[in-house]
N, C-alpha and C. Protein backbone atom coordinates (compact mmCIF):
# COMPACT_ATOMS: atom_id res chain seq x y z
N MET A 1 137.45 -14.30 146.02
CA MET A 1 137.30 -15.25 144.94
C MET A 1 136.71 -16.57 145.44
N ALA A 2 137.17 -17.01 146.60
CA ALA A 2 136.67 -18.25 147.18
C ALA A 2 135.18 -18.12 147.50
N LEU A 3 134.78 -16.92 147.92
CA LEU A 3 133.37 -16.68 148.24
C LEU A 3 132.49 -16.79 146.99
N LYS A 4 132.98 -16.29 145.86
CA LYS A 4 132.23 -16.40 144.60
C LYS A 4 132.09 -17.85 144.18
N LYS A 5 133.12 -18.66 144.36
CA LYS A 5 133.07 -20.08 144.01
C LYS A 5 132.06 -20.81 144.89
N ARG A 6 132.04 -20.46 146.17
CA ARG A 6 131.08 -21.10 147.09
C ARG A 6 129.64 -20.76 146.70
N TRP A 7 129.39 -19.47 146.39
CA TRP A 7 128.07 -19.05 145.96
C TRP A 7 127.67 -19.74 144.67
N ALA A 8 128.58 -19.83 143.73
CA ALA A 8 128.30 -20.48 142.45
C ALA A 8 127.99 -21.96 142.68
N ALA A 9 128.76 -22.59 143.56
CA ALA A 9 128.53 -24.01 143.86
C ALA A 9 127.18 -24.20 144.57
N LEU A 10 126.86 -23.29 145.48
CA LEU A 10 125.59 -23.36 146.19
C LEU A 10 124.41 -23.18 145.23
N VAL A 11 124.48 -22.19 144.35
CA VAL A 11 123.42 -21.96 143.37
C VAL A 11 123.29 -23.17 142.45
N PHE A 12 124.40 -23.71 141.99
CA PHE A 12 124.38 -24.88 141.12
C PHE A 12 123.72 -26.06 141.83
N ALA A 13 124.07 -26.27 143.10
CA ALA A 13 123.50 -27.39 143.87
C ALA A 13 122.00 -27.21 144.03
N LEU A 14 121.54 -26.00 144.33
CA LEU A 14 120.12 -25.74 144.47
C LEU A 14 119.37 -25.99 143.17
N LEU A 15 119.93 -25.51 142.07
CA LEU A 15 119.30 -25.75 140.76
C LEU A 15 119.23 -27.24 140.45
N LEU A 16 120.27 -27.97 140.77
CA LEU A 16 120.31 -29.42 140.53
C LEU A 16 119.24 -30.12 141.37
N ILE A 17 119.14 -29.73 142.63
CA ILE A 17 118.14 -30.34 143.51
C ILE A 17 116.72 -30.03 143.02
N LEU A 18 116.46 -28.80 142.64
CA LEU A 18 115.14 -28.42 142.14
C LEU A 18 114.79 -29.15 140.85
N SER A 19 115.74 -29.29 139.96
CA SER A 19 115.45 -29.99 138.70
C SER A 19 115.21 -31.47 138.94
N LEU A 20 115.94 -32.08 139.87
CA LEU A 20 115.70 -33.50 140.19
C LEU A 20 114.35 -33.68 140.88
N ALA A 21 113.99 -32.74 141.74
CA ALA A 21 112.68 -32.83 142.41
C ALA A 21 111.55 -32.72 141.40
N ALA A 22 111.69 -31.89 140.40
CA ALA A 22 110.66 -31.75 139.37
C ALA A 22 110.51 -33.03 138.58
N CYS A 23 111.58 -33.74 138.37
CA CYS A 23 111.53 -35.00 137.62
C CYS A 23 110.82 -36.09 138.40
N ARG A 24 110.79 -36.01 139.71
CA ARG A 24 110.22 -37.06 140.54
C ARG A 24 108.72 -36.89 140.73
N GLN A 25 108.13 -35.83 140.23
CA GLN A 25 106.69 -35.63 140.37
C GLN A 25 105.95 -36.69 139.58
N ALA A 26 104.80 -37.05 140.08
CA ALA A 26 103.96 -38.03 139.38
C ALA A 26 103.54 -37.47 138.04
N PRO A 27 103.43 -38.35 137.03
CA PRO A 27 102.98 -37.86 135.73
C PRO A 27 101.56 -37.33 135.83
N ALA A 28 101.23 -36.43 134.94
CA ALA A 28 99.89 -35.86 134.93
C ALA A 28 98.86 -36.95 134.72
N LYS A 29 97.73 -36.86 135.41
CA LYS A 29 96.66 -37.84 135.29
C LYS A 29 96.08 -37.80 133.88
N GLU A 30 95.84 -38.98 133.37
CA GLU A 30 95.21 -39.08 132.06
C GLU A 30 93.84 -38.40 132.12
N SER A 31 93.50 -37.68 131.09
CA SER A 31 92.28 -36.89 131.12
C SER A 31 91.01 -37.73 131.01
N GLY A 32 91.11 -38.98 130.67
CA GLY A 32 89.92 -39.81 130.59
C GLY A 32 89.34 -39.84 129.19
N TYR A 33 88.03 -39.85 129.11
CA TYR A 33 87.36 -39.99 127.83
C TYR A 33 87.07 -38.64 127.19
N SER A 34 87.05 -38.64 125.88
CA SER A 34 86.71 -37.43 125.15
C SER A 34 85.21 -37.17 125.27
N GLU A 35 84.81 -35.98 124.93
CA GLU A 35 83.38 -35.65 124.93
C GLU A 35 82.62 -36.57 123.98
N ALA A 36 83.24 -36.92 122.85
CA ALA A 36 82.59 -37.83 121.89
C ALA A 36 82.41 -39.22 122.51
N ASP A 37 83.40 -39.71 123.26
CA ASP A 37 83.29 -41.01 123.93
C ASP A 37 82.14 -40.99 124.93
N ILE A 38 82.10 -39.94 125.72
CA ILE A 38 81.06 -39.81 126.74
C ILE A 38 79.68 -39.70 126.09
N GLN A 39 79.58 -38.91 125.04
CA GLN A 39 78.29 -38.75 124.36
C GLN A 39 77.83 -40.06 123.74
N ALA A 40 78.75 -40.83 123.17
CA ALA A 40 78.38 -42.12 122.57
C ALA A 40 77.80 -43.05 123.65
N ALA A 41 78.40 -43.05 124.83
CA ALA A 41 77.89 -43.88 125.93
C ALA A 41 76.53 -43.36 126.39
N LYS A 42 76.38 -42.05 126.48
CA LYS A 42 75.10 -41.46 126.87
C LYS A 42 74.00 -41.80 125.87
N ASP A 43 74.34 -41.82 124.59
CA ASP A 43 73.35 -42.16 123.56
C ASP A 43 72.82 -43.58 123.75
N ILE A 44 73.70 -44.50 124.11
CA ILE A 44 73.28 -45.89 124.33
C ILE A 44 72.38 -45.99 125.55
N VAL A 45 72.77 -45.31 126.62
CA VAL A 45 71.95 -45.33 127.83
C VAL A 45 70.59 -44.70 127.56
N THR A 46 70.58 -43.58 126.86
CA THR A 46 69.32 -42.90 126.55
C THR A 46 68.40 -43.81 125.72
N ALA A 47 68.96 -44.48 124.73
CA ALA A 47 68.16 -45.40 123.91
C ALA A 47 67.59 -46.54 124.76
N TYR A 48 68.41 -47.10 125.63
CA TYR A 48 67.96 -48.18 126.50
C TYR A 48 66.87 -47.66 127.45
N PHE A 49 67.10 -46.50 128.03
CA PHE A 49 66.14 -45.93 128.97
C PHE A 49 64.79 -45.72 128.30
N GLN A 50 64.79 -45.16 127.09
CA GLN A 50 63.54 -44.89 126.38
C GLN A 50 62.78 -46.18 126.07
N THR A 51 63.50 -47.25 125.83
CA THR A 51 62.88 -48.53 125.49
C THR A 51 62.41 -49.30 126.72
N HIS A 52 63.20 -49.29 127.80
CA HIS A 52 62.92 -50.16 128.94
C HIS A 52 62.36 -49.46 130.17
N PHE A 53 62.36 -48.16 130.21
CA PHE A 53 61.84 -47.43 131.35
C PHE A 53 60.62 -46.61 130.92
N THR A 54 59.66 -47.31 130.36
CA THR A 54 58.44 -46.68 129.83
C THR A 54 57.73 -45.89 130.91
N GLY A 55 57.37 -44.65 130.57
CA GLY A 55 56.67 -43.79 131.51
C GLY A 55 57.58 -43.04 132.46
N CYS A 56 58.88 -43.30 132.42
CA CYS A 56 59.82 -42.62 133.29
C CYS A 56 60.45 -41.43 132.56
N THR A 57 60.95 -40.48 133.32
CA THR A 57 61.60 -39.30 132.76
C THR A 57 63.05 -39.27 133.21
N LEU A 58 63.94 -39.24 132.24
CA LEU A 58 65.37 -39.13 132.53
C LEU A 58 65.65 -37.66 132.85
N LEU A 59 65.97 -37.38 134.12
CA LEU A 59 66.19 -36.01 134.56
C LEU A 59 67.61 -35.53 134.29
N LYS A 60 68.56 -36.44 134.48
CA LYS A 60 69.97 -36.07 134.34
C LYS A 60 70.78 -37.33 134.04
N LEU A 61 71.69 -37.22 133.09
CA LEU A 61 72.60 -38.31 132.75
C LEU A 61 73.98 -37.68 132.69
N TYR A 62 74.90 -38.18 133.50
CA TYR A 62 76.19 -37.50 133.62
C TYR A 62 77.34 -38.47 133.87
N TYR A 63 78.53 -37.97 133.59
CA TYR A 63 79.76 -38.70 133.84
C TYR A 63 80.55 -37.94 134.90
N ASP A 64 80.72 -38.55 136.05
CA ASP A 64 81.47 -37.95 137.15
C ASP A 64 82.81 -38.66 137.23
N GLU A 65 83.76 -38.19 136.44
CA GLU A 65 85.06 -38.85 136.32
C GLU A 65 85.75 -39.03 137.67
N ALA A 66 85.67 -38.03 138.52
CA ALA A 66 86.37 -38.11 139.81
C ALA A 66 85.89 -39.31 140.63
N ASN A 67 84.61 -39.62 140.59
CA ASN A 67 84.08 -40.75 141.35
C ASN A 67 84.15 -42.06 140.58
N ALA A 68 84.21 -41.99 139.28
CA ALA A 68 84.06 -43.21 138.47
C ALA A 68 85.38 -43.90 138.11
N ARG A 69 86.48 -43.19 138.00
CA ARG A 69 87.71 -43.75 137.42
C ARG A 69 88.19 -45.03 138.10
N ASN A 70 88.24 -45.08 139.44
CA ASN A 70 88.73 -46.29 140.11
C ASN A 70 87.80 -47.48 139.86
N ALA A 71 86.50 -47.23 139.96
CA ALA A 71 85.54 -48.30 139.73
C ALA A 71 85.62 -48.80 138.29
N GLU A 72 85.87 -47.90 137.35
CA GLU A 72 85.96 -48.29 135.94
C GLU A 72 87.08 -49.27 135.69
N GLN A 73 88.20 -49.08 136.34
CA GLN A 73 89.32 -50.00 136.15
C GLN A 73 88.97 -51.39 136.65
N GLU A 74 88.28 -51.46 137.77
CA GLU A 74 87.87 -52.76 138.31
C GLU A 74 86.82 -53.43 137.43
N TRP A 75 85.87 -52.65 136.93
CA TRP A 75 84.86 -53.22 136.04
C TRP A 75 85.50 -53.70 134.74
N ALA A 76 86.46 -52.98 134.22
CA ALA A 76 87.16 -53.39 133.00
C ALA A 76 87.81 -54.75 133.20
N ALA A 77 88.42 -54.96 134.36
CA ALA A 77 89.04 -56.25 134.65
C ALA A 77 87.98 -57.35 134.71
N GLN A 78 86.82 -57.07 135.33
CA GLN A 78 85.77 -58.09 135.42
C GLN A 78 85.26 -58.48 134.04
N TYR A 79 85.06 -57.49 133.18
CA TYR A 79 84.49 -57.78 131.86
C TYR A 79 85.55 -58.11 130.83
N GLY A 80 86.83 -58.05 131.18
CA GLY A 80 87.90 -58.32 130.22
C GLY A 80 87.88 -57.32 129.08
N ALA A 81 87.49 -56.09 129.40
CA ALA A 81 87.35 -55.04 128.38
C ALA A 81 88.55 -54.08 128.47
N ASP A 82 88.85 -53.47 127.35
CA ASP A 82 89.91 -52.45 127.34
C ASP A 82 89.47 -51.21 128.10
N GLU A 83 88.20 -50.83 127.95
CA GLU A 83 87.70 -49.60 128.55
C GLU A 83 86.30 -49.80 129.11
N VAL A 84 86.05 -49.15 130.22
CA VAL A 84 84.73 -49.14 130.84
C VAL A 84 84.43 -47.71 131.25
N ILE A 85 83.20 -47.30 131.05
CA ILE A 85 82.75 -45.99 131.52
C ILE A 85 81.54 -46.22 132.41
N VAL A 86 81.51 -45.50 133.53
CA VAL A 86 80.38 -45.59 134.45
C VAL A 86 79.68 -44.23 134.43
N LEU A 87 78.45 -44.24 133.95
CA LEU A 87 77.63 -43.03 133.94
C LEU A 87 76.66 -43.10 135.12
N SER A 88 76.17 -41.96 135.51
CA SER A 88 75.16 -41.88 136.56
C SER A 88 73.95 -41.15 136.02
N SER A 89 72.80 -41.45 136.61
CA SER A 89 71.58 -40.77 136.15
C SER A 89 70.64 -40.54 137.32
N ASP A 90 69.78 -39.56 137.11
CA ASP A 90 68.66 -39.31 138.00
C ASP A 90 67.42 -39.41 137.12
N TYR A 91 66.39 -40.09 137.59
CA TYR A 91 65.16 -40.18 136.81
C TYR A 91 63.95 -40.24 137.73
N ARG A 92 62.82 -39.96 137.14
CA ARG A 92 61.54 -39.98 137.86
C ARG A 92 60.64 -41.02 137.19
N THR A 93 60.01 -41.83 138.03
CA THR A 93 59.06 -42.80 137.49
C THR A 93 57.73 -42.10 137.25
N GLY A 94 56.94 -42.69 136.38
CA GLY A 94 55.62 -42.16 136.07
C GLY A 94 54.59 -42.65 137.07
N PRO A 95 53.33 -42.35 136.80
CA PRO A 95 52.26 -42.74 137.72
C PRO A 95 51.97 -44.24 137.70
N GLU A 96 52.37 -44.92 136.65
CA GLU A 96 52.11 -46.35 136.53
C GLU A 96 53.22 -47.15 137.20
N TYR A 97 52.86 -48.29 137.76
CA TYR A 97 53.84 -49.18 138.38
C TYR A 97 54.75 -49.76 137.30
N LEU A 98 56.05 -49.72 137.53
CA LEU A 98 57.03 -50.31 136.64
C LEU A 98 57.82 -51.30 137.46
N SER A 99 57.87 -52.53 137.04
CA SER A 99 58.49 -53.63 137.75
C SER A 99 59.57 -53.21 138.74
N GLY A 100 59.23 -53.29 140.03
CA GLY A 100 60.21 -53.03 141.08
C GLY A 100 60.43 -51.56 141.41
N LEU A 101 59.81 -50.66 140.70
CA LEU A 101 60.00 -49.24 140.96
C LEU A 101 58.71 -48.63 141.47
N GLU A 102 58.83 -47.75 142.42
CA GLU A 102 57.67 -47.07 142.98
C GLU A 102 57.19 -45.99 142.01
N PRO A 103 55.87 -45.84 141.84
CA PRO A 103 55.36 -44.78 140.98
C PRO A 103 55.66 -43.39 141.55
N ASN A 104 55.88 -42.44 140.66
CA ASN A 104 56.09 -41.03 141.01
C ASN A 104 57.23 -40.83 142.02
N GLU A 105 58.29 -41.55 141.84
CA GLU A 105 59.47 -41.44 142.72
C GLU A 105 60.68 -41.01 141.91
N ASP A 106 61.59 -40.29 142.55
CA ASP A 106 62.87 -39.94 141.93
C ASP A 106 63.91 -40.96 142.36
N TYR A 107 64.67 -41.46 141.40
CA TYR A 107 65.77 -42.37 141.66
C TYR A 107 67.04 -41.62 141.29
N LEU A 108 67.89 -41.40 142.28
CA LEU A 108 69.08 -40.59 142.10
C LEU A 108 70.33 -41.47 142.15
N GLY A 109 71.30 -41.15 141.30
CA GLY A 109 72.56 -41.88 141.31
C GLY A 109 72.50 -43.27 140.71
N TRP A 110 71.52 -43.54 139.87
CA TRP A 110 71.39 -44.83 139.19
C TRP A 110 72.59 -44.96 138.25
N THR A 111 73.33 -46.04 138.34
CA THR A 111 74.55 -46.18 137.54
C THR A 111 74.33 -47.04 136.30
N TRP A 112 75.12 -46.74 135.30
CA TRP A 112 75.10 -47.45 134.02
C TRP A 112 76.55 -47.79 133.67
N ILE A 113 76.84 -49.07 133.49
CA ILE A 113 78.21 -49.51 133.23
C ILE A 113 78.28 -50.01 131.80
N LEU A 114 79.16 -49.38 131.03
CA LEU A 114 79.34 -49.72 129.62
C LEU A 114 80.80 -50.09 129.38
N ALA A 115 81.03 -51.05 128.50
CA ALA A 115 82.39 -51.51 128.20
C ALA A 115 82.60 -51.54 126.69
N ARG A 116 83.86 -51.50 126.31
CA ARG A 116 84.22 -51.62 124.89
C ARG A 116 85.67 -52.02 124.76
N GLU A 117 85.98 -52.52 123.58
CA GLU A 117 87.37 -52.73 123.21
C GLU A 117 87.90 -51.42 122.68
N LYS A 118 89.19 -51.20 122.74
CA LYS A 118 89.79 -49.93 122.29
C LYS A 118 89.30 -49.58 120.90
N GLY A 119 88.68 -48.41 120.77
CA GLY A 119 88.20 -47.95 119.47
C GLY A 119 86.88 -48.54 119.04
N GLY A 120 86.29 -49.42 119.84
CA GLY A 120 85.03 -50.06 119.47
C GLY A 120 83.82 -49.29 119.96
N SER A 121 82.68 -49.94 119.87
CA SER A 121 81.42 -49.33 120.31
C SER A 121 81.14 -49.74 121.76
N TRP A 122 80.52 -48.85 122.48
CA TRP A 122 80.14 -49.15 123.85
C TRP A 122 79.03 -50.19 123.88
N GLU A 123 79.07 -51.06 124.89
CA GLU A 123 78.01 -52.03 125.15
C GLU A 123 77.56 -51.87 126.60
N LEU A 124 76.27 -51.80 126.82
CA LEU A 124 75.74 -51.72 128.17
C LEU A 124 75.92 -53.06 128.85
N LYS A 125 76.60 -53.07 129.98
CA LYS A 125 76.88 -54.32 130.70
C LYS A 125 76.06 -54.47 131.98
N ASP A 126 75.76 -53.35 132.64
CA ASP A 126 75.07 -53.43 133.92
C ASP A 126 74.44 -52.08 134.22
N LYS A 127 73.48 -52.10 135.15
CA LYS A 127 72.81 -50.87 135.55
C LYS A 127 72.25 -51.05 136.94
N GLY A 128 71.96 -49.96 137.61
CA GLY A 128 71.30 -50.02 138.90
C GLY A 128 72.01 -49.25 139.99
N TYR A 129 71.69 -49.62 141.23
CA TYR A 129 72.30 -49.01 142.39
C TYR A 129 73.50 -49.82 142.79
N PRO A 130 74.41 -49.37 143.57
CA PRO A 130 74.46 -48.13 144.32
C PRO A 130 75.03 -47.00 143.49
N PRO A 131 74.94 -45.77 144.00
CA PRO A 131 75.60 -44.67 143.30
C PRO A 131 77.08 -44.97 143.13
N VAL A 132 77.67 -44.48 142.07
CA VAL A 132 79.04 -44.81 141.73
C VAL A 132 80.02 -44.46 142.84
N SER A 133 79.74 -43.45 143.64
CA SER A 133 80.66 -43.07 144.71
C SER A 133 80.79 -44.15 145.77
N SER A 134 79.82 -45.06 145.83
CA SER A 134 79.91 -46.14 146.81
C SER A 134 80.26 -47.48 146.15
N VAL A 135 80.56 -47.47 144.85
CA VAL A 135 80.96 -48.70 144.18
C VAL A 135 82.39 -49.00 144.59
N VAL A 136 82.58 -50.09 145.32
CA VAL A 136 83.91 -50.47 145.76
C VAL A 136 84.55 -51.34 144.71
N SER A 137 83.82 -52.31 144.24
CA SER A 137 84.35 -53.21 143.22
C SER A 137 83.19 -53.86 142.51
N PRO A 138 83.46 -54.46 141.35
CA PRO A 138 82.37 -55.10 140.61
C PRO A 138 81.81 -56.32 141.31
N THR A 139 82.51 -56.84 142.30
CA THR A 139 82.01 -58.02 142.99
C THR A 139 81.27 -57.68 144.28
N SER A 140 81.20 -56.40 144.62
CA SER A 140 80.50 -56.01 145.85
C SER A 140 79.00 -56.24 145.66
N GLU A 141 78.35 -56.60 146.75
CA GLU A 141 76.91 -56.85 146.70
C GLU A 141 76.16 -55.54 146.61
N ARG A 142 75.17 -55.51 145.78
CA ARG A 142 74.29 -54.35 145.68
C ARG A 142 73.06 -54.65 146.50
N THR A 143 73.05 -54.15 147.72
CA THR A 143 71.95 -54.48 148.61
C THR A 143 70.85 -53.43 148.61
N ASP A 144 71.09 -52.32 147.95
CA ASP A 144 70.10 -51.25 148.01
C ASP A 144 69.32 -51.07 146.70
N ALA A 145 69.28 -52.11 145.88
CA ALA A 145 68.47 -52.03 144.67
C ALA A 145 67.00 -52.02 145.06
N PRO A 146 66.16 -51.33 144.32
CA PRO A 146 64.72 -51.32 144.64
C PRO A 146 64.15 -52.73 144.64
N THR A 147 63.21 -52.98 145.51
CA THR A 147 62.57 -54.28 145.62
C THR A 147 62.02 -54.72 144.27
N GLY A 148 62.30 -55.97 143.91
CA GLY A 148 61.78 -56.52 142.66
C GLY A 148 62.62 -56.18 141.45
N MET A 149 63.57 -55.27 141.59
CA MET A 149 64.43 -54.89 140.46
C MET A 149 65.74 -55.64 140.62
N PRO A 150 66.15 -56.39 139.60
CA PRO A 150 67.41 -57.11 139.72
C PRO A 150 68.54 -56.13 140.05
N ALA A 151 69.38 -56.51 141.01
CA ALA A 151 70.50 -55.65 141.41
C ALA A 151 71.52 -55.57 140.28
N THR A 152 71.73 -56.68 139.60
CA THR A 152 72.61 -56.67 138.44
C THR A 152 71.94 -57.47 137.34
N GLU A 153 71.99 -56.97 136.17
CA GLU A 153 71.39 -57.63 135.03
C GLU A 153 72.24 -57.30 133.80
N PRO A 154 73.32 -58.09 133.58
CA PRO A 154 74.19 -57.76 132.46
C PRO A 154 73.45 -57.81 131.13
N THR A 155 73.74 -56.87 130.29
CA THR A 155 73.21 -56.83 128.94
C THR A 155 74.40 -56.95 128.00
N THR A 156 74.50 -58.06 127.29
CA THR A 156 75.70 -58.31 126.51
C THR A 156 75.61 -57.79 125.09
N ALA A 157 74.43 -57.57 124.58
CA ALA A 157 74.30 -57.12 123.19
C ALA A 157 74.47 -55.60 123.11
N ALA A 158 75.12 -55.16 122.06
CA ALA A 158 75.26 -53.72 121.85
C ALA A 158 73.90 -53.15 121.52
N ILE A 159 73.61 -52.00 122.05
CA ILE A 159 72.34 -51.33 121.78
C ILE A 159 72.60 -50.29 120.72
N PRO A 160 71.91 -50.37 119.58
CA PRO A 160 72.17 -49.43 118.52
C PRO A 160 71.85 -48.00 118.94
N VAL A 161 72.66 -47.08 118.48
CA VAL A 161 72.46 -45.68 118.78
C VAL A 161 71.79 -45.00 117.59
N THR A 162 70.71 -44.31 117.88
CA THR A 162 70.07 -43.56 116.80
C THR A 162 70.43 -42.10 116.97
N GLN A 163 70.89 -41.51 115.92
CA GLN A 163 71.27 -40.10 115.93
C GLN A 163 70.04 -39.26 115.63
N GLY A 164 69.83 -38.23 116.42
CA GLY A 164 68.63 -37.43 116.22
C GLY A 164 68.95 -36.01 115.90
């Protein structure tokens, strides 16, 4: 009988320890932005690109959450915004010279920083190099911007999105 009590106590203790250990796990990571949030930001970048990067071809526009999340929190603090999303793009310049960009060159990892208040519309705040994986903070110097291209050029006005 004493052996059964010891086993019962041991099993109870193990279950208690396992349940307490499960409670101490970190909460699940927030999933980030919805596909609609990401698409709305992409629409603004695409509209800006079509207007300001004449003769260039947008090859890829993407959201790399794994690389962007930490930088986004720091950018949100700088802009005093509730939310910031950092998109990345790859594009090719055309044969004509475009201020600070080499003709017929591919630019990879070009970043686009957009901010908004909770539930509001995205606003393009900044663009350029370095790739988001090397963005340490919003105050870090961008030394690898193409010659003649401003490393940072905040855009404070919302860019209207046209649905196509």
